[in-house]
Amino acid sequence: HLAESGGGLVQPGGSLTLTCVASTTIFTEYTIRWYRQAPAANNREWVAGISGNGEALYGDSVKGRFAISRDNTKNTVVLQMNNLKPEDTAVYYCNANEVWWGQGLLVTVSS
């Protein structure tokens, strides 16, 4: 089970923090990824991911603006989103090991 929090409305150039908490006793075995689906899109776009030992990777569209981190003592992954743009508007999903999905968070970037 993955529980997400932190979506909402933000102006362009602003920041938001998304949090994903996993209910598991083997959190360090989970690679956690964030995906997003824009309003008019038919598929989900990979945003960022972090392995159990903390290796992070980013999609080209967010590189340099987003940062992913994890706290294995709290079963938590955080996606810090900075310098947000209108094209970042989407429902953001937390994913564990490409198997389990969170419920999704709406992020709207608009003035």
PDB file of N, CA and C in Angstrom:
ATOM      1  N   HIS A   1       0.853  -1.194   0.000  1.00  0.00           N
ATOM      2  CA  HIS A   1       0.000   0.000   0.000  1.00  0.00           C
ATOM      3  C   HIS A   1       0.888   1.242   0.000  1.00  0.00           C
ATOM      4  N   LEU A   2       0.555   2.191  -0.910  1.00  0.00           N
ATOM      5  CA  LEU A   2       1.290   3.444  -1.029  1.00  0.00           C
ATOM      6  C   LEU A   2       0.337   4.590  -0.769  1.00  0.00           C
ATOM      7  N   ALA A   3       0.724   5.481   0.123  1.00  0.00           N
ATOM      8  CA  ALA A   3      -0.099   6.644   0.455  1.00  0.00           C
ATOM      9  C   ALA A   3       0.643   7.902   0.054  1.00  0.00           C
ATOM     10  N   GLU A   4      -0.019   8.715  -0.775  1.00  0.00           N
ATOM     11  CA  GLU A   4       0.586   9.938  -1.299  1.00  0.00           C
ATOM     12  C   GLU A   4      -0.049  11.151  -0.639  1.00  0.00           C
ATOM     13  N   SER A   5       0.729  12.225  -0.570  1.00  0.00           N
ATOM     14  CA  SER A   5       0.200  13.486  -0.069  1.00  0.00           C
ATOM     15  C   SER A   5       0.991  14.628  -0.664  1.00  0.00           C
ATOM     16  N   GLY A   6       0.350  15.820  -0.695  1.00  0.00           N
ATOM     17  CA  GLY A   6       1.084  17.026  -1.047  1.00  0.00           C
ATOM     18  C   GLY A   6       0.717  17.709  -2.342  1.00  0.00           C
ATOM     19  N   GLY A   7      -0.243  17.219  -3.104  1.00  0.00           N
ATOM     20  CA  GLY A   7      -0.602  17.893  -4.339  1.00  0.00           C
ATOM     21  C   GLY A   7      -1.327  19.203  -4.068  1.00  0.00           C
ATOM     22  N   GLY A   8      -1.651  19.911  -5.159  1.00  0.00           N
ATOM     23  CA  GLY A   8      -2.410  21.148  -5.013  1.00  0.00           C
ATOM     24  C   GLY A   8      -2.166  22.107  -6.156  1.00  0.00           C
ATOM     25  N   LEU A   9      -2.541  23.357  -5.903  1.00  0.00           N
ATOM     26  CA  LEU A   9      -2.433  24.428  -6.897  1.00  0.00           C
ATOM     27  C   LEU A   9      -1.246  25.322  -6.549  1.00  0.00           C
ATOM     28  N   VAL A  10      -0.441  25.632  -7.551  1.00  0.00           N
ATOM     29  CA  VAL A  10       0.721  26.492  -7.344  1.00  0.00           C
ATOM     30  C   VAL A  10       0.908  27.366  -8.567  1.00  0.00           C
ATOM     31  N   GLN A  11       1.453  28.541  -8.381  1.00  0.00           N
ATOM     32  CA  GLN A  11       1.711  29.450  -9.492  1.00  0.00           C
ATOM     33  C   GLN A  11       2.989  29.027 -10.222  1.00  0.00           C
ATOM     34  N   PRO A  12       3.100  29.390 -11.482  1.00  0.00           N
ATOM     35  CA  PRO A  12       4.356  29.101 -12.206  1.00  0.00           C
ATOM     36  C   PRO A  12       5.558  29.675 -11.469  1.00  0.00           C
ATOM     37  N   GLY A  13       6.616  28.877 -11.434  1.00  0.00           N
ATOM     38  CA  GLY A  13       7.813  29.272 -10.692  1.00  0.00           C
ATOM     39  C   GLY A  13       7.808  28.847  -9.247  1.00  0.00           C
ATOM     40  N   GLY A  14       6.676  28.366  -8.781  1.00  0.00           N
ATOM     41  CA  GLY A  14       6.560  27.945  -7.387  1.00  0.00           C
ATOM     42  C   GLY A  14       7.050  26.535  -7.154  1.00  0.00           C
ATOM     43  N   SER A  15       6.865  26.074  -5.925  1.00  0.00           N
ATOM     44  CA  SER A  15       7.340  24.759  -5.513  1.00  0.00           C
ATOM     45  C   SER A  15       6.244  23.976  -4.811  1.00  0.00           C
ATOM     46  N   LEU A  16       6.352  22.673  -4.927  1.00  0.00           N
ATOM     47  CA  LEU A  16       5.489  21.746  -4.201  1.00  0.00           C
ATOM     48  C   LEU A  16       6.306  20.538  -3.792  1.00  0.00           C
ATOM     49  N   THR A  17       5.868  19.910  -2.700  1.00  0.00           N
ATOM     50  CA  THR A  17       6.520  18.687  -2.230  1.00  0.00           C
ATOM     51  C   THR A  17       5.504  17.558  -2.196  1.00  0.00           C
ATOM     52  N   LEU A  18       5.815  16.481  -2.877  1.00  0.00           N
ATOM     53  CA  LEU A  18       4.970  15.283  -2.852  1.00  0.00           C
ATOM     54  C   LEU A  18       5.637  14.219  -1.986  1.00  0.00           C
ATOM     55  N   THR A  19       4.810  13.521  -1.218  1.00  0.00           N
ATOM     56  CA  THR A  19       5.325  12.488  -0.326  1.00  0.00           C
ATOM     57  C   THR A  19       4.622  11.167  -0.599  1.00  0.00           C
ATOM     58  N   CYS A  20       5.400  10.101  -0.570  1.00  0.00           N
ATOM     59  CA  CYS A  20       4.869   8.754  -0.755  1.00  0.00           C
ATOM     60  C   CYS A  20       5.347   7.905   0.423  1.00  0.00           C
ATOM     61  N   VAL A  21       4.393   7.317   1.142  1.00  0.00           N
ATOM     62  CA  VAL A  21       4.721   6.468   2.281  1.00  0.00           C
ATOM     63  C   VAL A  21       4.260   5.046   1.969  1.00  0.00           C
ATOM     64  N   ALA A  22       5.163   4.094   2.162  1.00  0.00           N
ATOM     65  CA  ALA A  22       4.853   2.695   1.864  1.00  0.00           C
ATOM     66  C   ALA A  22       4.616   1.899   3.126  1.00  0.00           C
ATOM     67  N   SER A  23       3.584   1.092   3.091  1.00  0.00           N
ATOM     68  CA  SER A  23       3.289   0.196   4.215  1.00  0.00           C
ATOM     69  C   SER A  23       3.940  -1.145   3.929  1.00  0.00           C
ATOM     70  N   THR A  24       5.149  -1.321   4.421  1.00  0.00           N
ATOM     71  CA  THR A  24       5.907  -2.534   4.159  1.00  0.00           C
ATOM     72  C   THR A  24       7.038  -2.654   5.174  1.00  0.00           C
ATOM     73  N   THR A  25       7.498  -3.870   5.362  1.00  0.00           N
ATOM     74  CA  THR A  25       8.637  -4.086   6.254  1.00  0.00           C
ATOM     75  C   THR A  25       9.935  -4.259   5.473  1.00  0.00           C
ATOM     76  N   ILE A  26       9.846  -4.186   4.145  1.00  0.00           N
ATOM     77  CA  ILE A  26      11.029  -4.392   3.291  1.00  0.00           C
ATOM     78  C   ILE A  26      11.214  -3.200   2.358  1.00  0.00           C
ATOM     79  N   PHE A  27      11.066  -2.015   2.903  1.00  0.00           N
ATOM     80  CA  PHE A  27      11.081  -0.790   2.087  1.00  0.00           C
ATOM     81  C   PHE A  27      12.377  -0.641   1.294  1.00  0.00           C
ATOM     82  N   THR A  28      13.484  -1.079   1.875  1.00  0.00           N
ATOM     83  CA  THR A  28      14.772  -0.915   1.184  1.00  0.00           C
ATOM     84  C   THR A  28      14.864  -1.760  -0.082  1.00  0.00           C
ATOM     85  N   GLU A  29      13.953  -2.705  -0.251  1.00  0.00           N
ATOM     86  CA  GLU A  29      13.938  -3.512  -1.473  1.00  0.00           C
ATOM     87  C   GLU A  29      13.071  -2.884  -2.561  1.00  0.00           C
ATOM     88  N   TYR A  30      12.490  -1.743  -2.252  1.00  0.00           N
ATOM     89  CA  TYR A  30      11.606  -1.081  -3.208  1.00  0.00           C
ATOM     90  C   TYR A  30      12.346   0.007  -3.978  1.00  0.00           C
ATOM     91  N   THR A  31      12.266  -0.035  -5.300  1.00  0.00           N
ATOM     92  CA  THR A  31      12.601   1.130  -6.101  1.00  0.00           C
ATOM     93  C   THR A  31      11.307   1.917  -6.265  1.00  0.00           C
ATOM     94  N   ILE A  32      11.340   3.167  -5.848  1.00  0.00           N
ATOM     95  CA  ILE A  32      10.155   4.020  -5.901  1.00  0.00           C
ATOM     96  C   ILE A  32      10.292   4.977  -7.080  1.00  0.00           C
ATOM     97  N   ARG A  33       9.268   5.044  -7.878  1.00  0.00           N
ATOM     98  CA  ARG A  33       9.214   5.941  -9.033  1.00  0.00           C
ATOM     99  C   ARG A  33       7.981   6.826  -8.942  1.00  0.00           C
ATOM    100  N   TRP A  34       8.123   8.008  -9.484  1.00  0.00           N
ATOM    101  CA  TRP A  34       6.978   8.901  -9.681  1.00  0.00           C
ATOM    102  C   TRP A  34       6.689   8.969 -11.173  1.00  0.00           C
ATOM    103  N   TYR A  35       5.414   8.853 -11.481  1.00  0.00           N
ATOM    104  CA  TYR A  35       4.908   9.033 -12.834  1.00  0.00           C
ATOM    105  C   TYR A  35       3.876  10.145 -12.806  1.00  0.00           C
ATOM    106  N   ARG A  36       3.564  10.670 -13.968  1.00  0.00           N
ATOM    107  CA  ARG A  36       2.498  11.656 -14.059  1.00  0.00           C
ATOM    108  C   ARG A  36       1.715  11.454 -15.348  1.00  0.00           C
ATOM    109  N   GLN A  37       0.457  11.878 -15.290  1.00  0.00           N
ATOM    110  CA  GLN A  37      -0.403  11.813 -16.464  1.00  0.00           C
ATOM    111  C   GLN A  37      -1.069  13.159 -16.630  1.00  0.00           C
ATOM    112  N   ALA A  38      -0.740  13.821 -17.708  1.00  0.00           N
ATOM    113  CA  ALA A  38      -1.313  15.129 -18.020  1.00  0.00           C
ATOM    114  C   ALA A  38      -2.772  14.979 -18.411  1.00  0.00           C
ATOM    115  N   PRO A  39      -3.564  16.068 -18.295  1.00  0.00           N
ATOM    116  CA  PRO A  39      -5.012  15.974 -18.539  1.00  0.00           C
ATOM    117  C   PRO A  39      -5.399  15.391 -19.892  1.00  0.00           C
ATOM    118  N   ALA A  40      -4.654  15.734 -20.943  1.00  0.00           N
ATOM    119  CA  ALA A  40      -5.046  15.267 -22.277  1.00  0.00           C
ATOM    120  C   ALA A  40      -4.243  14.063 -22.739  1.00  0.00           C
ATOM    121  N   ALA A  41      -3.420  13.520 -21.843  1.00  0.00           N
ATOM    122  CA  ALA A  41      -2.529  12.432 -22.256  1.00  0.00           C
ATOM    123  C   ALA A  41      -3.198  11.075 -22.085  1.00  0.00           C
ATOM    124  N   ASN A  42      -2.802  10.147 -22.919  1.00  0.00           N
ATOM    125  CA  ASN A  42      -3.321   8.786 -22.850  1.00  0.00           C
ATOM    126  C   ASN A  42      -2.441   7.863 -22.032  1.00  0.00           C
ATOM    127  N   ASN A  43      -1.224   8.305 -21.746  1.00  0.00           N
ATOM    128  CA  ASN A  43      -0.322   7.444 -20.991  1.00  0.00           C
ATOM    129  C   ASN A  43       0.362   8.239 -19.888  1.00  0.00           C
ATOM    130  N   ARG A  44       1.046   7.511 -19.038  1.00  0.00           N
ATOM    131  CA  ARG A  44       1.775   8.110 -17.930  1.00  0.00           C
ATOM    132  C   ARG A  44       3.237   8.312 -18.312  1.00  0.00           C
ATOM    133  N   GLU A  45       3.765   9.439 -17.878  1.00  0.00           N
ATOM    134  CA  GLU A  45       5.156   9.790 -18.142  1.00  0.00           C
ATOM    135  C   GLU A  45       5.983   9.522 -16.887  1.00  0.00           C
ATOM    136  N   TRP A  46       7.118   8.837 -17.032  1.00  0.00           N
ATOM    137  CA  TRP A  46       8.012   8.634 -15.912  1.00  0.00           C
ATOM    138  C   TRP A  46       8.681   9.964 -15.573  1.00  0.00           C
ATOM    139  N   VAL A  47       8.716  10.287 -14.277  1.00  0.00           N
ATOM    140  CA  VAL A  47       9.254  11.565 -13.818  1.00  0.00           C
ATOM    141  C   VAL A  47      10.611  11.397 -13.142  1.00  0.00           C
ATOM    142  N   ALA A  48      10.656  10.506 -12.152  1.00  0.00           N
ATOM    143  CA  ALA A  48      11.884  10.306 -11.383  1.00  0.00           C
ATOM    144  C   ALA A  48      11.783   8.978 -10.652  1.00  0.00           C
ATOM    145  N   GLY A  49      12.951   8.456 -10.260  1.00  0.00           N
ATOM    146  CA  GLY A  49      12.966   7.214  -9.499  1.00  0.00           C
ATOM    147  C   GLY A  49      14.150   7.167  -8.569  1.00  0.00           C
ATOM    148  N   ILE A  50      14.025   6.362  -7.513  1.00  0.00           N
ATOM    149  CA  ILE A  50      15.115   6.220  -6.560  1.00  0.00           C
ATOM    150  C   ILE A  50      15.169   4.780  -6.088  1.00  0.00           C
ATOM    151  N   SER A  51      16.369   4.204  -6.111  1.00  0.00           N
ATOM    152  CA  SER A  51      16.538   2.820  -5.700  1.00  0.00           C
ATOM    153  C   SER A  51      16.617   2.715  -4.182  1.00  0.00           C
ATOM    154  N   GLY A  52      16.638   1.487  -3.682  1.00  0.00           N
ATOM    155  CA  GLY A  52      16.695   1.286  -2.243  1.00  0.00           C
ATOM    156  C   GLY A  52      17.931   1.865  -1.585  1.00  0.00           C
ATOM    157  N   ASN A  53      19.015   1.947  -2.340  1.00  0.00           N
ATOM    158  CA  ASN A  53      20.253   2.501  -1.760  1.00  0.00           C
ATOM    159  C   ASN A  53      20.429   3.978  -2.099  1.00  0.00           C
ATOM    160  N   GLY A  54      19.394   4.594  -2.674  1.00  0.00           N
ATOM    161  CA  GLY A  54      19.399   6.035  -2.860  1.00  0.00           C
ATOM    162  C   GLY A  54      19.858   6.559  -4.210  1.00  0.00           C
ATOM    163  N   GLU A  55      20.073   5.691  -5.166  1.00  0.00           N
ATOM    164  CA  GLU A  55      20.462   6.163  -6.495  1.00  0.00           C
ATOM    165  C   GLU A  55      19.247   6.768  -7.188  1.00  0.00           C
ATOM    166  N   ALA A  56      19.381   8.006  -7.633  1.00  0.00           N
ATOM    167  CA  ALA A  56      18.254   8.742  -8.201  1.00  0.00           C
ATOM    168  C   ALA A  56      18.443   8.979  -9.692  1.00  0.00           C
ATOM    169  N   LEU A  57      17.351   8.912 -10.421  1.00  0.00           N
ATOM    170  CA  LEU A  57      17.339   9.211 -11.850  1.00  0.00           C
ATOM    171  C   LEU A  57      16.149  10.107 -12.149  1.00  0.00           C
ATOM    172  N   TYR A  58      16.263  10.909 -13.217  1.00  0.00           N
ATOM    173  CA  TYR A  58      15.225  11.879 -13.549  1.00  0.00           C
ATOM    174  C   TYR A  58      14.916  11.855 -15.039  1.00  0.00           C
ATOM    175  N   GLY A  59      13.669  12.144 -15.346  1.00  0.00           N
ATOM    176  CA  GLY A  59      13.286  12.345 -16.722  1.00  0.00           C
ATOM    177  C   GLY A  59      13.821  13.673 -17.231  1.00  0.00           C
ATOM    178  N   ASP A  60      14.024  13.761 -18.537  1.00  0.00           N
ATOM    179  CA  ASP A  60      14.634  14.961 -19.110  1.00  0.00           C
ATOM    180  C   ASP A  60      13.801  16.215 -18.856  1.00  0.00           C
ATOM    181  N   SER A  61      12.489  16.079 -18.794  1.00  0.00           N
ATOM    182  CA  SER A  61      11.630  17.248 -18.650  1.00  0.00           C
ATOM    183  C   SER A  61      11.692  17.872 -17.259  1.00  0.00           C
ATOM    184  N   VAL A  62      12.212  17.143 -16.276  1.00  0.00           N
ATOM    185  CA  VAL A  62      12.243  17.668 -14.906  1.00  0.00           C
ATOM    186  C   VAL A  62      13.650  17.782 -14.352  1.00  0.00           C
ATOM    187  N   LYS A  63      14.634  17.318 -15.092  1.00  0.00           N
ATOM    188  CA  LYS A  63      16.010  17.327 -14.612  1.00  0.00           C
ATOM    189  C   LYS A  63      16.451  18.749 -14.276  1.00  0.00           C
ATOM    190  N   GLY A  64      17.032  18.906 -13.095  1.00  0.00           N
ATOM    191  CA  GLY A  64      17.474  20.221 -12.651  1.00  0.00           C
ATOM    192  C   GLY A  64      16.420  21.012 -11.900  1.00  0.00           C
ATOM    193  N   ARG A  65      15.174  20.551 -11.939  1.00  0.00           N
ATOM    194  CA  ARG A  65      14.095  21.258 -11.230  1.00  0.00           C
ATOM    195  C   ARG A  65      13.495  20.412 -10.109  1.00  0.00           C
ATOM    196  N   PHE A  66      13.463  19.112 -10.304  1.00  0.00           N
ATOM    197  CA  PHE A  66      12.879  18.202  -9.311  1.00  0.00           C
ATOM    198  C   PHE A  66      13.998  17.437  -8.603  1.00  0.00           C
ATOM    199  N   ALA A  67      13.736  17.070  -7.352  1.00  0.00           N
ATOM    200  CA  ALA A  67      14.692  16.261  -6.591  1.00  0.00           C
ATOM    201  C   ALA A  67      13.932  15.176  -5.844  1.00  0.00           C
ATOM    202  N   ILE A  68      14.421  13.950  -5.961  1.00  0.00           N
ATOM    203  CA  ILE A  68      13.782  12.830  -5.265  1.00  0.00           C
ATOM    204  C   ILE A  68      14.727  12.349  -4.160  1.00  0.00           C
ATOM    205  N   SER A  69      14.155  12.020  -3.025  1.00  0.00           N
ATOM    206  CA  SER A  69      14.946  11.530  -1.895  1.00  0.00           C
ATOM    207  C   SER A  69      14.123  10.522  -1.114  1.00  0.00           C
ATOM    208  N   ARG A  70      14.794   9.753  -0.265  1.00  0.00           N
ATOM    209  CA  ARG A  70      14.062   8.768   0.535  1.00  0.00           C
ATOM    210  C   ARG A  70      14.657   8.695   1.935  1.00  0.00           C
ATOM    211  N   ASP A  71      13.770   8.325   2.853  1.00  0.00           N
ATOM    212  CA  ASP A  71      14.157   8.068   4.237  1.00  0.00           C
ATOM    213  C   ASP A  71      13.703   6.649   4.559  1.00  0.00           C
ATOM    214  N   ASN A  72      14.654   5.725   4.552  1.00  0.00           N
ATOM    215  CA  ASN A  72      14.292   4.324   4.758  1.00  0.00           C
ATOM    216  C   ASN A  72      13.840   4.032   6.185  1.00  0.00           C
ATOM    217  N   THR A  73      14.137   4.925   7.119  1.00  0.00           N
ATOM    218  CA  THR A  73      13.662   4.712   8.498  1.00  0.00           C
ATOM    219  C   THR A  73      12.184   5.052   8.643  1.00  0.00           C
ATOM    220  N   LYS A  74      11.663   5.814   7.662  1.00  0.00           N
ATOM    221  CA  LYS A  74      10.255   6.231   7.720  1.00  0.00           C
ATOM    222  C   LYS A  74       9.449   5.699   6.537  1.00  0.00           C
ATOM    223  N   ASN A  75      10.062   4.814   5.731  1.00  0.00           N
ATOM    224  CA  ASN A  75       9.372   4.259   4.552  1.00  0.00           C
ATOM    225  C   ASN A  75       8.822   5.363   3.653  1.00  0.00           C
ATOM    226  N   THR A  76       9.593   6.418   3.483  1.00  0.00           N
ATOM    227  CA  THR A  76       9.081   7.615   2.807  1.00  0.00           C
ATOM    228  C   THR A  76       9.980   8.026   1.645  1.00  0.00           C
ATOM    229  N   VAL A  77       9.339   8.415   0.555  1.00  0.00           N
ATOM    230  CA  VAL A  77      10.028   9.044  -0.565  1.00  0.00           C
ATOM    231  C   VAL A  77       9.402  10.410  -0.795  1.00  0.00           C
ATOM    232  N   VAL A  78      10.244  11.395  -1.010  1.00  0.00           N
ATOM    233  CA  VAL A  78       9.796  12.767  -1.228  1.00  0.00           C
ATOM    234  C   VAL A  78      10.222  13.220  -2.614  1.00  0.00           C
ATOM    235  N   LEU A  79       9.296  13.857  -3.317  1.00  0.00           N
ATOM    236  CA  LEU A  79       9.604  14.481  -4.607  1.00  0.00           C
ATOM    237  C   LEU A  79       9.456  15.986  -4.415  1.00  0.00           C
ATOM    238  N   GLN A  80      10.580  16.673  -4.410  1.00  0.00           N
ATOM    239  CA  GLN A  80      10.591  18.124  -4.290  1.00  0.00           C
ATOM    240  C   GLN A  80      10.553  18.720  -5.693  1.00  0.00           C
ATOM    241  N   MET A  81       9.538  19.501  -5.959  1.00  0.00           N
ATOM    242  CA  MET A  81       9.347  20.066  -7.297  1.00  0.00           C
ATOM    243  C   MET A  81       9.516  21.568  -7.235  1.00  0.00           C
ATOM    244  N   ASN A  82      10.498  22.087  -7.934  1.00  0.00           N
ATOM    245  CA  ASN A  82      10.806  23.511  -7.935  1.00  0.00           C
ATOM    246  C   ASN A  82      10.650  24.091  -9.332  1.00  0.00           C
ATOM    247  N   ASN A  83      10.529  25.407  -9.377  1.00  0.00           N
ATOM    248  CA  ASN A  83      10.400  26.103 -10.666  1.00  0.00           C
ATOM    249  C   ASN A  83       9.339  25.437 -11.542  1.00  0.00           C
ATOM    250  N   LEU A  84       8.191  25.243 -10.971  1.00  0.00           N
ATOM    251  CA  LEU A  84       7.125  24.530 -11.677  1.00  0.00           C
ATOM    252  C   LEU A  84       6.607  25.327 -12.859  1.00  0.00           C
ATOM    253  N   LYS A  85       6.212  24.599 -13.890  1.00  0.00           N
ATOM    254  CA  LYS A  85       5.724  25.187 -15.138  1.00  0.00           C
ATOM    255  C   LYS A  85       4.310  24.685 -15.400  1.00  0.00           C
ATOM    256  N   PRO A  86       3.529  25.420 -16.177  1.00  0.00           N
ATOM    257  CA  PRO A  86       2.170  24.951 -16.489  1.00  0.00           C
ATOM    258  C   PRO A  86       2.162  23.543 -17.082  1.00  0.00           C
ATOM    259  N   GLU A  87       3.177  23.196 -17.839  1.00  0.00           N
ATOM    260  CA  GLU A  87       3.218  21.857 -18.448  1.00  0.00           C
ATOM    261  C   GLU A  87       3.507  20.754 -17.436  1.00  0.00           C
ATOM    262  N   ASP A  88       3.793  21.116 -16.191  1.00  0.00           N
ATOM    263  CA  ASP A  88       3.933  20.121 -15.122  1.00  0.00           C
ATOM    264  C   ASP A  88       2.568  19.716 -14.546  1.00  0.00           C
ATOM    265  N   THR A  89       1.518  20.391 -14.967  1.00  0.00           N
ATOM    266  CA  THR A  89       0.178  20.056 -14.499  1.00  0.00           C
ATOM    267  C   THR A  89      -0.177  18.624 -14.886  1.00  0.00           C
ATOM    268  N   ALA A  90      -0.531  17.827 -13.887  1.00  0.00           N
ATOM    269  CA  ALA A  90      -0.815  16.417 -14.123  1.00  0.00           C
ATOM    270  C   ALA A  90      -1.260  15.767 -12.819  1.00  0.00           C
ATOM    271  N   VAL A  91      -1.739  14.546 -12.943  1.00  0.00           N
ATOM    272  CA  VAL A  91      -1.919  13.693 -11.767  1.00  0.00           C
ATOM    273  C   VAL A  91      -0.617  12.916 -11.586  1.00  0.00           C
ATOM    274  N   TYR A  92      -0.051  13.005 -10.394  1.00  0.00           N
ATOM    275  CA  TYR A  92       1.223  12.361 -10.083  1.00  0.00           C
ATOM    276  C   TYR A  92       0.971  11.088  -9.284  1.00  0.00           C
ATOM    277  N   TYR A  93       1.648  10.017  -9.697  1.00  0.00           N
ATOM    278  CA  TYR A  93       1.466   8.705  -9.074  1.00  0.00           C
ATOM    279  C   TYR A  93       2.793   8.189  -8.528  1.00  0.00           C
ATOM    280  N   CYS A  94       2.745   7.660  -7.333  1.00  0.00           N
ATOM    281  CA  CYS A  94       3.875   6.965  -6.738  1.00  0.00           C
ATOM    282  C   CYS A  94       3.771   5.487  -7.125  1.00  0.00           C
ATOM    283  N   ASN A  95       4.920   4.890  -7.430  1.00  0.00           N
ATOM    284  CA  ASN A  95       4.937   3.487  -7.856  1.00  0.00           C
ATOM    285  C   ASN A  95       6.079   2.755  -7.153  1.00  0.00           C
ATOM    286  N   ALA A  96       5.811   1.520  -6.757  1.00  0.00           N
ATOM    287  CA  ALA A  96       6.837   0.696  -6.119  1.00  0.00           C
ATOM    288  C   ALA A  96       7.131  -0.520  -6.967  1.00  0.00           C
ATOM    289  N   ASN A  97       8.382  -0.642  -7.398  1.00  0.00           N
ATOM    290  CA  ASN A  97       8.858  -1.808  -8.154  1.00  0.00           C
ATOM    291  C   ASN A  97       8.033  -2.102  -9.404  1.00  0.00           C
ATOM    292  N   GLU A  98       7.475  -1.049  -9.972  1.00  0.00           N
ATOM    293  CA  GLU A  98       6.665  -1.174 -11.197  1.00  0.00           C
ATOM    294  C   GLU A  98       5.463  -2.104 -10.991  1.00  0.00           C
ATOM    295  N   VAL A  99       5.056  -2.278  -9.740  1.00  0.00           N
ATOM    296  CA  VAL A  99       3.947  -3.188  -9.450  1.00  0.00           C
ATOM    297  C   VAL A  99       2.798  -2.471  -8.743  1.00  0.00           C
ATOM    298  N   TRP A 100       3.123  -1.785  -7.649  1.00  0.00           N
ATOM    299  CA  TRP A 100       2.089  -1.150  -6.832  1.00  0.00           C
ATOM    300  C   TRP A 100       2.018   0.346  -7.119  1.00  0.00           C
ATOM    301  N   TRP A 101       0.788   0.873  -7.077  1.00  0.00           N
ATOM    302  CA  TRP A 101       0.547   2.271  -7.407  1.00  0.00           C
ATOM    303  C   TRP A 101      -0.181   2.959  -6.264  1.00  0.00           C
ATOM    304  N   GLY A 102       0.138   4.240  -6.091  1.00  0.00           N
ATOM    305  CA  GLY A 102      -0.641   5.072  -5.206  1.00  0.00           C
ATOM    306  C   GLY A 102      -1.899   5.551  -5.904  1.00  0.00           C
ATOM    307  N   GLN A 103      -2.703   6.314  -5.182  1.00  0.00           N
ATOM    308  CA  GLN A 103      -4.004   6.723  -5.695  1.00  0.00           C
ATOM    309  C   GLN A 103      -3.925   7.906  -6.646  1.00  0.00           C
ATOM    310  N   GLY A 104      -2.824   8.639  -6.640  1.00  0.00           N
ATOM    311  CA  GLY A 104      -2.644   9.781  -7.519  1.00  0.00           C
ATOM    312  C   GLY A 104      -2.921  11.100  -6.822  1.00  0.00           C
ATOM    313  N   LEU A 105      -2.143  12.112  -7.173  1.00  0.00           N
ATOM    314  CA  LEU A 105      -2.289  13.462  -6.632  1.00  0.00           C
ATOM    315  C   LEU A 105      -2.370  14.456  -7.782  1.00  0.00           C
ATOM    316  N   LEU A 106      -3.340  15.348  -7.721  1.00  0.00           N
ATOM    317  CA  LEU A 106      -3.461  16.368  -8.754  1.00  0.00           C
ATOM    318  C   LEU A 106      -2.531  17.529  -8.404  1.00  0.00           C
ATOM    319  N   VAL A 107      -1.683  17.878  -9.364  1.00  0.00           N
ATOM    320  CA  VAL A 107      -0.835  19.062  -9.272  1.00  0.00           C
ATOM    321  C   VAL A 107      -1.228  19.989 -10.408  1.00  0.00           C
ATOM    322  N   THR A 108      -1.617  21.204 -10.050  1.00  0.00           N
ATOM    323  CA  THR A 108      -2.025  22.197 -11.043  1.00  0.00           C
ATOM    324  C   THR A 108      -1.106  23.393 -10.933  1.00  0.00           C
ATOM    325  N   VAL A 109      -0.472  23.733 -12.046  1.00  0.00           N
ATOM    326  CA  VAL A 109       0.422  24.894 -12.084  1.00  0.00           C
ATOM    327  C   VAL A 109      -0.248  25.950 -12.964  1.00  0.00           C
ATOM    328  N   SER A 110      -0.716  26.999 -12.334  1.00  0.00           N
ATOM    329  CA  SER A 110      -1.478  28.003 -13.060  1.00  0.00           C
ATOM    330  C   SER A 110      -1.447  29.313 -12.304  1.00  0.00           C
ATOM    331  N   SER A 111      -1.513  30.412 -13.063  1.00  0.00           N
ATOM    332  CA  SER A 111      -1.582  31.733 -12.440  1.00  0.00           C
ATOM    333  C   SER A 111      -3.041  32.181 -12.332  1.00  0.00           C
TER     334      SER A 111
END
